[in-house]
PDB file of all heavy atoms in Angstrom:
ATOM      1  N   LEU A   1       0.838  -1.196  -0.016  1.00  0.00           N
ATOM      2  CA  LEU A   1       0.001  -0.005   0.009  1.00  0.00           C
ATOM      3  C   LEU A   1       0.887   1.236  -0.008  1.00  0.00           C
ATOM      4  O   LEU A   1       1.805   1.369   0.837  1.00  0.00           O
ATOM      5  CB  LEU A   1      -0.909   0.005   1.235  1.00  0.00           C
ATOM      6  CG  LEU A   1      -1.765   1.235   1.457  1.00  0.00           C
ATOM      7  CD1 LEU A   1      -2.773   1.397   0.327  1.00  0.00           C
ATOM      8  CD2 LEU A   1      -2.475   1.139   2.825  1.00  0.00           C
ATOM      9  N   VAL A   2       0.577   2.158  -0.897  1.00  0.00           N
ATOM     10  CA  VAL A   2       1.348   3.386  -0.990  1.00  0.00           C
ATOM     11  C   VAL A   2       0.444   4.545  -1.352  1.00  0.00           C
ATOM     12  O   VAL A   2      -0.610   4.353  -1.963  1.00  0.00           O
ATOM     13  CB  VAL A   2       2.463   3.236  -2.077  1.00  0.00           C
ATOM     14  CG1 VAL A   2       1.849   3.076  -3.472  1.00  0.00           C
ATOM     15  CG2 VAL A   2       3.432   4.410  -2.054  1.00  0.00           C
ATOM     16  N   GLN A   3       0.780   5.712  -0.901  1.00  0.00           N
ATOM     17  CA  GLN A   3      -0.011   6.910  -1.186  1.00  0.00           C
ATOM     18  C   GLN A   3       0.250   7.410  -2.596  1.00  0.00           C
ATOM     19  O   GLN A   3       1.311   7.146  -3.185  1.00  0.00           O
ATOM     20  CB  GLN A   3       0.308   8.030  -0.197  1.00  0.00           C
ATOM     21  CG  GLN A   3      -0.125   7.729   1.242  1.00  0.00           C
ATOM     22  CD  GLN A   3       0.127   8.887   2.171  1.00  0.00           C
ATOM     23  OE1 GLN A   3       1.005   9.710   1.942  1.00  0.00           O
ATOM     24  NE2 GLN A   3      -0.669   8.969   3.227  1.00  0.00           N
ATOM     25  N   PRO A   4      -0.715   8.116  -3.188  1.00  0.00           N
ATOM     26  CA  PRO A   4      -0.476   8.680  -4.516  1.00  0.00           C
ATOM     27  C   PRO A   4       0.798   9.545  -4.505  1.00  0.00           C
ATOM     28  O   PRO A   4       1.058  10.288  -3.575  1.00  0.00           O
ATOM     29  CB  PRO A   4      -1.718   9.563  -4.737  1.00  0.00           C
ATOM     30  CG  PRO A   4      -2.783   8.874  -3.930  1.00  0.00           C
ATOM     31  CD  PRO A   4      -2.088   8.386  -2.695  1.00  0.00           C
ATOM     32  N   GLY A   5       1.552   9.390  -5.575  1.00  0.00           N
ATOM     33  CA  GLY A   5       2.824  10.080  -5.677  1.00  0.00           C
ATOM     34  C   GLY A   5       3.998   9.315  -5.102  1.00  0.00           C
ATOM     35  O   GLY A   5       5.172   9.712  -5.317  1.00  0.00           O
ATOM     36  N   GLY A   6       3.712   8.214  -4.431  1.00  0.00           N
ATOM     37  CA  GLY A   6       4.780   7.407  -3.826  1.00  0.00           C
ATOM     38  C   GLY A   6       5.390   6.480  -4.811  1.00  0.00           C
ATOM     39  O   GLY A   6       5.066   6.445  -6.004  1.00  0.00           O
ATOM     40  N   SER A   7       6.281   5.612  -4.310  1.00  0.00           N
ATOM     41  CA  SER A   7       7.047   4.715  -5.134  1.00  0.00           C
ATOM     42  C   SER A   7       7.086   3.298  -4.569  1.00  0.00           C
ATOM     43  O   SER A   7       6.987   3.121  -3.333  1.00  0.00           O
ATOM     44  CB  SER A   7       8.488   5.188  -5.308  1.00  0.00           C
ATOM     45  OG  SER A   7       8.558   6.468  -5.953  1.00  0.00           O
ATOM     46  N   LEU A   8       7.214   2.334  -5.429  1.00  0.00           N
ATOM     47  CA  LEU A   8       7.408   0.933  -5.084  1.00  0.00           C
ATOM     48  C   LEU A   8       8.348   0.327  -6.079  1.00  0.00           C
ATOM     49  O   LEU A   8       8.389   0.761  -7.239  1.00  0.00           O
ATOM     50  CB  LEU A   8       6.094   0.154  -5.036  1.00  0.00           C
ATOM     51  CG  LEU A   8       5.113   0.401  -3.917  1.00  0.00           C
ATOM     52  CD1 LEU A   8       3.809  -0.340  -4.176  1.00  0.00           C
ATOM     53  CD2 LEU A   8       5.691  -0.022  -2.574  1.00  0.00           C
ATOM     54  N   ARG A   9       9.078  -0.706  -5.644  1.00  0.00           N
ATOM     55  CA  ARG A   9       9.866  -1.467  -6.583  1.00  0.00           C
ATOM     56  C   ARG A   9       9.498  -2.911  -6.465  1.00  0.00           C
ATOM     57  O   ARG A   9       9.582  -3.519  -5.349  1.00  0.00           O
ATOM     58  CB  ARG A   9      11.388  -1.310  -6.281  1.00  0.00           C
ATOM     59  CG  ARG A   9      12.224  -1.953  -7.355  1.00  0.00           C
ATOM     60  CD  ARG A   9      13.722  -1.786  -7.165  1.00  0.00           C
ATOM     61  NE  ARG A   9      14.214  -2.610  -6.069  1.00  0.00           N
ATOM     62  CZ  ARG A   9      15.475  -2.892  -5.850  1.00  0.00           C
ATOM     63  NH1 ARG A   9      16.422  -2.406  -6.689  1.00  0.00           N
ATOM     64  NH2 ARG A   9      15.867  -3.653  -4.826  1.00  0.00           N
ATOM     65  N   LEU A  10       9.095  -3.502  -7.565  1.00  0.00           N
ATOM     66  CA  LEU A  10       8.729  -4.899  -7.616  1.00  0.00           C
ATOM     67  C   LEU A  10       9.882  -5.708  -8.100  1.00  0.00           C
ATOM     68  O   LEU A  10      10.666  -5.261  -8.944  1.00  0.00           O
ATOM     69  CB  LEU A  10       7.508  -5.125  -8.543  1.00  0.00           C
ATOM     70  CG  LEU A  10       6.270  -4.287  -8.267  1.00  0.00           C
ATOM     71  CD1 LEU A  10       5.157  -4.677  -9.250  1.00  0.00           C
ATOM     72  CD2 LEU A  10       5.821  -4.425  -6.820  1.00  0.00           C
ATOM     73  N   SER A  11      10.000  -6.937  -7.592  1.00  0.00           N
ATOM     74  CA  SER A  11      11.047  -7.850  -8.006  1.00  0.00           C
ATOM     75  C   SER A  11      10.417  -9.158  -8.461  1.00  0.00           C
ATOM     76  O   SER A  11       9.382  -9.570  -7.928  1.00  0.00           O
ATOM     77  CB  SER A  11      12.016  -8.126  -6.852  1.00  0.00           C
ATOM     78  OG  SER A  11      12.679  -6.944  -6.451  1.00  0.00           O
ATOM     79  N   CYS A  12      11.031  -9.783  -9.408  1.00  0.00           N
ATOM     80  CA  CYS A  12      10.574 -11.093  -9.921  1.00  0.00           C
ATOM     81  C   CYS A  12      11.818 -11.950 -10.074  1.00  0.00           C
ATOM     82  O   CYS A  12      12.736 -11.633 -10.859  1.00  0.00           O
ATOM     83  CB  CYS A  12       9.867 -10.897 -11.261  1.00  0.00           C
ATOM     84  SG  CYS A  12       9.489 -12.451 -12.108  1.00  0.00           S
ATOM     85  N   VAL A  13      11.821 -13.063  -9.360  1.00  0.00           N
ATOM     86  CA  VAL A  13      12.924 -13.996  -9.424  1.00  0.00           C
ATOM     87  C   VAL A  13      12.483 -15.304 -10.084  1.00  0.00           C
ATOM     88  O   VAL A  13      11.500 -15.903  -9.646  1.00  0.00           O
ATOM     89  CB  VAL A  13      13.459 -14.288  -8.026  1.00  0.00           C
ATOM     90  CG1 VAL A  13      14.655 -15.240  -8.121  1.00  0.00           C
ATOM     91  CG2 VAL A  13      13.911 -13.013  -7.341  1.00  0.00           C
ATOM     92  N   ALA A  14      13.197 -15.722 -11.106  1.00  0.00           N
ATOM     93  CA  ALA A  14      12.922 -16.983 -11.776  1.00  0.00           C
ATOM     94  C   ALA A  14      13.854 -18.044 -11.234  1.00  0.00           C
ATOM     95  O   ALA A  14      15.057 -17.827 -11.098  1.00  0.00           O
ATOM     96  CB  ALA A  14      13.103 -16.829 -13.258  1.00  0.00           C
ATOM     97  N   SER A  15      13.296 -19.203 -10.925  1.00  0.00           N
ATOM     98  CA  SER A  15      14.111 -20.269 -10.359  1.00  0.00           C
ATOM     99  C   SER A  15      13.466 -21.636 -10.629  1.00  0.00           C
ATOM    100  O   SER A  15      12.377 -21.696 -11.233  1.00  0.00           O
ATOM    101  CB  SER A  15      14.272 -20.083  -8.853  1.00  0.00           C
ATOM    102  OG  SER A  15      13.014 -20.146  -8.199  1.00  0.00           O
ATOM    103  N   GLY A  16      14.125 -22.688 -10.187  1.00  0.00           N
ATOM    104  CA  GLY A  16      13.561 -24.025 -10.260  1.00  0.00           C
ATOM    105  C   GLY A  16      14.199 -24.947 -11.285  1.00  0.00           C
ATOM    106  O   GLY A  16      14.104 -26.153 -11.153  1.00  0.00           O
ATOM    107  N   SER A  17      14.868 -24.358 -12.289  1.00  0.00           N
ATOM    108  CA  SER A  17      15.482 -25.152 -13.317  1.00  0.00           C
ATOM    109  C   SER A  17      16.665 -24.388 -13.879  1.00  0.00           C
ATOM    110  O   SER A  17      16.844 -23.216 -13.564  1.00  0.00           O
ATOM    111  CB  SER A  17      14.483 -25.450 -14.484  1.00  0.00           C
ATOM    112  OG  SER A  17      13.374 -26.173 -14.029  1.00  0.00           O
ATOM    113  N   ILE A  18      17.449 -25.088 -14.649  1.00  0.00           N
ATOM    114  CA  ILE A  18      18.501 -24.411 -15.415  1.00  0.00           C
ATOM    115  C   ILE A  18      17.832 -23.696 -16.566  1.00  0.00           C
ATOM    116  O   ILE A  18      17.203 -24.338 -17.411  1.00  0.00           O
ATOM    117  CB  ILE A  18      19.550 -25.421 -15.928  1.00  0.00           C
ATOM    118  CG1 ILE A  18      20.216 -26.145 -14.765  1.00  0.00           C
ATOM    119  CG2 ILE A  18      20.576 -24.710 -16.789  1.00  0.00           C
ATOM    120  CD1 ILE A  18      21.145 -27.244 -15.185  1.00  0.00           C
ATOM    121  N   ILE A  19      17.899 -22.390 -16.550  1.00  0.00           N
ATOM    122  CA  ILE A  19      17.102 -21.606 -17.504  1.00  0.00           C
ATOM    123  C   ILE A  19      17.986 -20.614 -18.264  1.00  0.00           C
ATOM    124  O   ILE A  19      19.014 -20.139 -17.784  1.00  0.00           O
ATOM    125  CB  ILE A  19      15.981 -20.847 -16.819  1.00  0.00           C
ATOM    126  CG1 ILE A  19      16.503 -19.987 -15.660  1.00  0.00           C
ATOM    127  CG2 ILE A  19      14.937 -21.841 -16.303  1.00  0.00           C
ATOM    128  CD1 ILE A  19      15.425 -19.195 -14.952  1.00  0.00           C
ATOM    129  N   ASP A  20      17.510 -20.280 -19.425  1.00  0.00           N
ATOM    130  CA  ASP A  20      18.075 -19.258 -20.271  1.00  0.00           C
ATOM    131  C   ASP A  20      16.928 -18.347 -20.677  1.00  0.00           C
ATOM    132  O   ASP A  20      16.121 -18.676 -21.533  1.00  0.00           O
ATOM    133  CB  ASP A  20      18.775 -19.861 -21.485  1.00  0.00           C
ATOM    134  CG  ASP A  20      19.369 -18.816 -22.396  1.00  0.00           C
ATOM    135  OD1 ASP A  20      19.634 -17.684 -21.972  1.00  0.00           O
ATOM    136  OD2 ASP A  20      19.617 -19.134 -23.589  1.00  0.00           O
ATOM    137  N   ILE A  21      16.819 -17.187 -20.024  1.00  0.00           N
ATOM    138  CA  ILE A  21      15.659 -16.337 -20.190  1.00  0.00           C
ATOM    139  C   ILE A  21      15.836 -15.362 -21.333  1.00  0.00           C
ATOM    140  O   ILE A  21      16.909 -14.752 -21.474  1.00  0.00           O
ATOM    141  CB  ILE A  21      15.388 -15.538 -18.895  1.00  0.00           C
ATOM    142  CG1 ILE A  21      15.023 -16.522 -17.780  1.00  0.00           C
ATOM    143  CG2 ILE A  21      14.305 -14.515 -19.100  1.00  0.00           C
ATOM    144  CD1 ILE A  21      14.862 -15.850 -16.427  1.00  0.00           C
ATOM    145  N   ASN A  22      14.822 -15.283 -22.146  1.00  0.00           N
ATOM    146  CA  ASN A  22      14.799 -14.285 -23.214  1.00  0.00           C
ATOM    147  C   ASN A  22      14.255 -12.940 -22.743  1.00  0.00           C
ATOM    148  O   ASN A  22      15.012 -12.016 -22.476  1.00  0.00           O
ATOM    149  CB  ASN A  22      13.987 -14.773 -24.406  1.00  0.00           C
ATOM    150  CG  ASN A  22      14.655 -15.953 -25.107  1.00  0.00           C
ATOM    151  OD1 ASN A  22      15.893 -16.024 -25.199  1.00  0.00           O
ATOM    152  ND2 ASN A  22      13.846 -16.887 -25.606  1.00  0.00           N
ATOM    153  N   ALA A  23      12.956 -12.867 -22.584  1.00  0.00           N
ATOM    154  CA  ALA A  23      12.320 -11.633 -22.149  1.00  0.00           C
ATOM    155  C   ALA A  23      11.639 -11.787 -20.815  1.00  0.00           C
ATOM    156  O   ALA A  23      11.196 -12.896 -20.449  1.00  0.00           O
ATOM    157  CB  ALA A  23      11.311 -11.141 -23.175  1.00  0.00           C
ATOM    158  N   MET A  24      11.535 -10.726 -20.071  1.00  0.00           N
ATOM    159  CA  MET A  24      10.796 -10.703 -18.836  1.00  0.00           C
ATOM    160  C   MET A  24       9.860  -9.502 -18.882  1.00  0.00           C
ATOM    161  O   MET A  24      10.278  -8.432 -19.293  1.00  0.00           O
ATOM    162  CB  MET A  24      11.735 -10.597 -17.611  1.00  0.00           C
ATOM    163  CG  MET A  24      12.738 -11.700 -17.523  1.00  0.00           C
ATOM    164  SD  MET A  24      13.732 -11.729 -15.978  1.00  0.00           S
ATOM    165  CE  MET A  24      12.503 -12.375 -14.815  1.00  0.00           C
ATOM    166  N   GLY A  25       8.620  -9.740 -18.480  1.00  0.00           N
ATOM    167  CA  GLY A  25       7.638  -8.700 -18.572  1.00  0.00           C
ATOM    168  C   GLY A  25       6.790  -8.586 -17.317  1.00  0.00           C
ATOM    169  O   GLY A  25       6.684  -9.531 -16.536  1.00  0.00           O
ATOM    170  N   TRP A  26       6.226  -7.423 -17.151  1.00  0.00           N
ATOM    171  CA  TRP A  26       5.287  -7.136 -16.066  1.00  0.00           C
ATOM    172  C   TRP A  26       3.911  -6.854 -16.627  1.00  0.00           C
ATOM    173  O   TRP A  26       3.778  -6.061 -17.569  1.00  0.00           O
ATOM    174  CB  TRP A  26       5.741  -5.959 -15.227  1.00  0.00           C
ATOM    175  CG  TRP A  26       6.970  -6.231 -14.416  1.00  0.00           C
ATOM    176  CD1 TRP A  26       8.259  -5.965 -14.709  1.00  0.00           C
ATOM    177  CD2 TRP A  26       6.990  -6.861 -13.131  1.00  0.00           C
ATOM    178  NE1 TRP A  26       9.111  -6.388 -13.681  1.00  0.00           N
ATOM    179  CE2 TRP A  26       8.340  -6.955 -12.708  1.00  0.00           C
ATOM    180  CE3 TRP A  26       6.013  -7.384 -12.258  1.00  0.00           C
ATOM    181  CZ2 TRP A  26       8.731  -7.503 -11.494  1.00  0.00           C
ATOM    182  CZ3 TRP A  26       6.398  -7.924 -11.073  1.00  0.00           C
ATOM    183  CH2 TRP A  26       7.743  -7.983 -10.676  1.00  0.00           C
ATOM    184  N   TYR A  27       2.934  -7.489 -16.076  1.00  0.00           N
ATOM    185  CA  TYR A  27       1.541  -7.317 -16.415  1.00  0.00           C
ATOM    186  C   TYR A  27       0.763  -6.919 -15.184  1.00  0.00           C
ATOM    187  O   TYR A  27       1.211  -7.166 -14.064  1.00  0.00           O
ATOM    188  CB  TYR A  27       0.942  -8.573 -17.048  1.00  0.00           C
ATOM    189  CG  TYR A  27       1.533  -8.995 -18.360  1.00  0.00           C
ATOM    190  CD1 TYR A  27       2.809  -9.543 -18.434  1.00  0.00           C
ATOM    191  CD2 TYR A  27       0.815  -8.841 -19.528  1.00  0.00           C
ATOM    192  CE1 TYR A  27       3.361  -9.919 -19.646  1.00  0.00           C
ATOM    193  CE2 TYR A  27       1.360  -9.230 -20.755  1.00  0.00           C
ATOM    194  CZ  TYR A  27       2.620  -9.774 -20.798  1.00  0.00           C
ATOM    195  OH  TYR A  27       3.156 -10.142 -22.012  1.00  0.00           O
ATOM    196  N   ARG A  28      -0.390  -6.351 -15.380  1.00  0.00           N
ATOM    197  CA  ARG A  28      -1.248  -6.050 -14.238  1.00  0.00           C
ATOM    198  C   ARG A  28      -2.703  -6.294 -14.604  1.00  0.00           C
ATOM    199  O   ARG A  28      -3.088  -6.215 -15.772  1.00  0.00           O
ATOM    200  CB  ARG A  28      -1.033  -4.611 -13.749  1.00  0.00           C
ATOM    201  CG  ARG A  28      -1.515  -3.527 -14.696  1.00  0.00           C
ATOM    202  CD  ARG A  28      -1.159  -2.163 -14.159  1.00  0.00           C
ATOM    203  NE  ARG A  28      -1.630  -1.074 -15.027  1.00  0.00           N
ATOM    204  CZ  ARG A  28      -1.308   0.165 -14.860  1.00  0.00           C
ATOM    205  NH1 ARG A  28      -0.535   0.544 -13.844  1.00  0.00           N
ATOM    206  NH2 ARG A  28      -1.797   1.109 -15.687  1.00  0.00           N
ATOM    207  N   GLN A  29      -3.469  -6.568 -13.557  1.00  0.00           N
ATOM    208  CA  GLN A  29      -4.906  -6.777 -13.758  1.00  0.00           C
ATOM    209  C   GLN A  29      -5.636  -6.147 -12.591  1.00  0.00           C
ATOM    210  O   GLN A  29      -5.444  -6.503 -11.432  1.00  0.00           O
ATOM    211  CB  GLN A  29      -5.251  -8.271 -13.818  1.00  0.00           C
ATOM    212  CG  GLN A  29      -6.672  -8.548 -14.171  1.00  0.00           C
ATOM    213  CD  GLN A  29      -6.918  -9.991 -14.581  1.00  0.00           C
ATOM    214  OE1 GLN A  29      -6.116 -10.877 -14.198  1.00  0.00           O
ATOM    215  NE2 GLN A  29      -7.983 -10.238 -15.302  1.00  0.00           N
ATOM    216  N   ALA A  30      -6.466  -5.163 -12.937  1.00  0.00           N
ATOM    217  CA  ALA A  30      -7.301  -4.491 -11.947  1.00  0.00           C
ATOM    218  C   ALA A  30      -8.662  -5.150 -11.914  1.00  0.00           C
ATOM    219  O   ALA A  30      -9.064  -5.791 -12.882  1.00  0.00           O
ATOM    220  CB  ALA A  30      -7.422  -3.023 -12.256  1.00  0.00           C
ATOM    221  N   PRO A  31      -9.414  -5.020 -10.806  1.00  0.00           N
ATOM    222  CA  PRO A  31     -10.735  -5.596 -10.724  1.00  0.00           C
ATOM    223  C   PRO A  31     -11.604  -5.171 -11.874  1.00  0.00           C
ATOM    224  O   PRO A  31     -11.741  -3.989 -12.182  1.00  0.00           O
ATOM    225  CB  PRO A  31     -11.262  -5.089  -9.415  1.00  0.00           C
ATOM    226  CG  PRO A  31     -10.041  -4.842  -8.584  1.00  0.00           C
ATOM    227  CD  PRO A  31      -9.006  -4.323  -9.564  1.00  0.00           C
ATOM    228  N   GLY A  32     -12.245  -6.145 -12.542  1.00  0.00           N
ATOM    229  CA  GLY A  32     -13.129  -5.870 -13.638  1.00  0.00           C
ATOM    230  C   GLY A  32     -12.449  -5.525 -14.937  1.00  0.00           C
ATOM    231  O   GLY A  32     -13.155  -5.219 -15.916  1.00  0.00           O
ATOM    232  N   LYS A  33     -11.132  -5.585 -14.992  1.00  0.00           N
ATOM    233  CA  LYS A  33     -10.416  -5.270 -16.181  1.00  0.00           C
ATOM    234  C   LYS A  33      -9.581  -6.460 -16.664  1.00  0.00           C
ATOM    235  O   LYS A  33      -9.276  -7.346 -15.880  1.00  0.00           O
ATOM    236  CB  LYS A  33      -9.515  -4.058 -15.958  1.00  0.00           C
ATOM    237  CG  LYS A  33     -10.269  -2.771 -15.647  1.00  0.00           C
ATOM    238  CD  LYS A  33      -9.326  -1.589 -15.542  1.00  0.00           C
ATOM    239  CE  LYS A  33     -10.080  -0.308 -15.254  1.00  0.00           C
ATOM    240  NZ  LYS A  33      -9.147   0.853 -15.161  1.00  0.00           N
ATOM    241  N   GLN A  34      -9.188  -6.405 -17.918  1.00  0.00           N
ATOM    242  CA  GLN A  34      -8.375  -7.430 -18.494  1.00  0.00           C
ATOM    243  C   GLN A  34      -6.917  -7.218 -18.166  1.00  0.00           C
ATOM    244  O   GLN A  34      -6.450  -6.087 -17.976  1.00  0.00           O
ATOM    245  CB  GLN A  34      -8.566  -7.461 -20.026  1.00  0.00           C
ATOM    246  CG  GLN A  34      -8.160  -8.749 -20.684  1.00  0.00           C
ATOM    247  CD  GLN A  34      -8.899  -8.982 -22.003  1.00  0.00           C
ATOM    248  OE1 GLN A  34      -9.607  -8.108 -22.479  1.00  0.00           O
ATOM    249  NE2 GLN A  34      -8.714 -10.137 -22.585  1.00  0.00           N
ATOM    250  N   ARG A  35      -6.182  -8.328 -18.111  1.00  0.00           N
ATOM    251  CA  ARG A  35      -4.747  -8.219 -17.829  1.00  0.00           C
ATOM    252  C   ARG A  35      -4.065  -7.483 -18.967  1.00  0.00           C
ATOM    253  O   ARG A  35      -4.331  -7.743 -20.164  1.00  0.00           O
ATOM    254  CB  ARG A  35      -4.165  -9.617 -17.630  1.00  0.00           C
ATOM    255  CG  ARG A  35      -2.719  -9.601 -17.177  1.00  0.00           C
ATOM    256  CD  ARG A  35      -2.232 -10.994 -16.811  1.00  0.00           C
ATOM    257  NE  ARG A  35      -3.028 -11.578 -15.743  1.00  0.00           N
ATOM    258  CZ  ARG A  35      -2.767 -12.765 -15.180  1.00  0.00           C
ATOM    259  NH1 ARG A  35      -1.723 -13.494 -15.584  1.00  0.00           N
ATOM    260  NH2 ARG A  35      -3.556 -13.219 -14.201  1.00  0.00           N
ATOM    261  N   GLU A  36      -3.164  -6.573 -18.632  1.00  0.00           N
ATOM    262  CA  GLU A  36      -2.477  -5.782 -19.649  1.00  0.00           C
ATOM    263  C   GLU A  36      -0.999  -5.770 -19.397  1.00  0.00           C
ATOM    264  O   GLU A  36      -0.532  -5.863 -18.265  1.00  0.00           O
ATOM    265  CB  GLU A  36      -3.028  -4.344 -19.677  1.00  0.00           C
ATOM    266  CG  GLU A  36      -2.759  -3.589 -18.367  1.00  0.00           C
ATOM    267  CD  GLU A  36      -3.167  -2.117 -18.446  1.00  0.00           C
ATOM    268  OE1 GLU A  36      -3.381  -1.632 -19.542  1.00  0.00           O
ATOM    269  OE2 GLU A  36      -3.242  -1.478 -17.361  1.00  0.00           O
ATOM    270  N   LEU A  37      -0.253  -5.623 -20.478  1.00  0.00           N
ATOM    271  CA  LEU A  37       1.176  -5.462 -20.405  1.00  0.00           C
ATOM    272  C   LEU A  37       1.532  -4.105 -19.870  1.00  0.00           C
ATOM    273  O   LEU A  37       1.031  -3.087 -20.340  1.00  0.00           O
ATOM    274  CB  LEU A  37       1.835  -5.670 -21.779  1.00  0.00           C
ATOM    275  CG  LEU A  37       3.339  -5.452 -21.860  1.00  0.00           C
ATOM    276  CD1 LEU A  37       4.085  -6.478 -21.061  1.00  0.00           C
ATOM    277  CD2 LEU A  37       3.813  -5.448 -23.292  1.00  0.00           C
ATOM    278  N   VAL A  38       2.399  -4.074 -18.871  1.00  0.00           N
ATOM    279  CA  VAL A  38       2.856  -2.822 -18.285  1.00  0.00           C
ATOM    280  C   VAL A  38       4.223  -2.442 -18.826  1.00  0.00           C
ATOM    281  O   VAL A  38       4.453  -1.327 -19.288  1.00  0.00           O
ATOM    282  CB  VAL A  38       2.930  -2.924 -16.739  1.00  0.00           C
ATOM    283  CG1 VAL A  38       3.473  -1.634 -16.136  1.00  0.00           C
ATOM    284  CG2 VAL A  38       1.544  -3.201 -16.171  1.00  0.00           C
ATOM    285  N   ALA A  39       5.164  -3.383 -18.759  1.00  0.00           N
ATOM    286  CA  ALA A  39       6.518  -3.138 -19.232  1.00  0.00           C
ATOM    287  C   ALA A  39       7.201  -4.475 -19.480  1.00  0.00           C
ATOM    288  O   ALA A  39       6.863  -5.468 -18.850  1.00  0.00           O
ATOM    289  CB  ALA A  39       7.318  -2.327 -18.191  1.00  0.00           C
ATOM    290  N   ALA A  40       8.154  -4.466 -20.383  1.00  0.00           N
ATOM    291  CA  ALA A  40       8.904  -5.655 -20.691  1.00  0.00           C
ATOM    292  C   ALA A  40      10.323  -5.306 -21.042  1.00  0.00           C
ATOM    293  O   ALA A  40      10.617  -4.177 -21.492  1.00  0.00           O
ATOM    294  CB  ALA A  40       8.265  -6.434 -21.848  1.00  0.00           C
ATOM    295  N   ILE A  41      11.227  -6.251 -20.868  1.00  0.00           N
ATOM    296  CA  ILE A  41      12.612  -6.038 -21.200  1.00  0.00           C
ATOM    297  C   ILE A  41      13.183  -7.308 -21.826  1.00  0.00           C
ATOM    298  O   ILE A  41      12.934  -8.427 -21.357  1.00  0.00           O
ATOM    299  CB  ILE A  41      13.451  -5.610 -19.945  1.00  0.00           C
ATOM    300  CG1 ILE A  41      14.881  -5.310 -20.328  1.00  0.00           C
ATOM    301  CG2 ILE A  41      13.366  -6.686 -18.850  1.00  0.00           C
ATOM    302  CD1 ILE A  41      15.644  -4.586 -19.206  1.00  0.00           C
ATOM    303  N   SER A  42      13.911  -7.150 -22.913  1.00  0.00           N
ATOM    304  CA  SER A  42      14.463  -8.257 -23.622  1.00  0.00           C
ATOM    305  C   SER A  42      15.841  -8.635 -23.041  1.00  0.00           C
ATOM    306  O   SER A  42      16.406  -7.937 -22.221  1.00  0.00           O
ATOM    307  CB  SER A  42      14.591  -7.934 -25.118  1.00  0.00           C
ATOM    308  OG  SER A  42      15.655  -6.997 -25.327  1.00  0.00           O
ATOM    309  N   SER A  43      16.389  -9.744 -23.568  1.00  0.00           N
ATOM    310  CA  SER A  43      17.715 -10.150 -23.133  1.00  0.00           C
ATOM    311  C   SER A  43      18.754  -9.132 -23.530  1.00  0.00           C
ATOM    312  O   SER A  43      19.807  -9.016 -22.879  1.00  0.00           O
ATOM    313  CB  SER A  43      18.045 -11.529 -23.745  1.00  0.00           C
ATOM    314  OG  SER A  43      18.045 -11.477 -25.150  1.00  0.00           O
ATOM    315  N   GLY A  44      18.484  -8.375 -24.587  1.00  0.00           N
ATOM    316  CA  GLY A  44      19.410  -7.351 -25.021  1.00  0.00           C
ATOM    317  C   GLY A  44      19.240  -6.009 -24.352  1.00  0.00           C
ATOM    318  O   GLY A  44      19.996  -5.083 -24.625  1.00  0.00           O
ATOM    319  N   GLY A  45      18.249  -5.909 -23.477  1.00  0.00           N
ATOM    320  CA  GLY A  45      18.061  -4.696 -22.711  1.00  0.00           C
ATOM    321  C   GLY A  45      17.051  -3.712 -23.314  1.00  0.00           C
ATOM    322  O   GLY A  45      16.842  -2.658 -22.739  1.00  0.00           O
ATOM    323  N   SER A  46      16.474  -4.033 -24.437  1.00  0.00           N
ATOM    324  CA  SER A  46      15.455  -3.152 -25.007  1.00  0.00           C
ATOM    325  C   SER A  46      14.177  -3.235 -24.167  1.00  0.00           C
ATOM    326  O   SER A  46      13.855  -4.306 -23.610  1.00  0.00           O
ATOM    327  CB  SER A  46      15.152  -3.470 -26.447  1.00  0.00           C
ATOM    328  OG  SER A  46      14.670  -4.803 -26.583  1.00  0.00           O
TER     329      SER A  46
END
């Protein structure tokens, strides 16, 4: 929970297997709305 104008940092850790990740993305879903892409980053940093 944060007030308007505030900040948060989310983290996502992938584990469980030997992996080679291409892209990682963040999605969000609000009540009554469809899940949407928020941001993504490729292996090359784009």
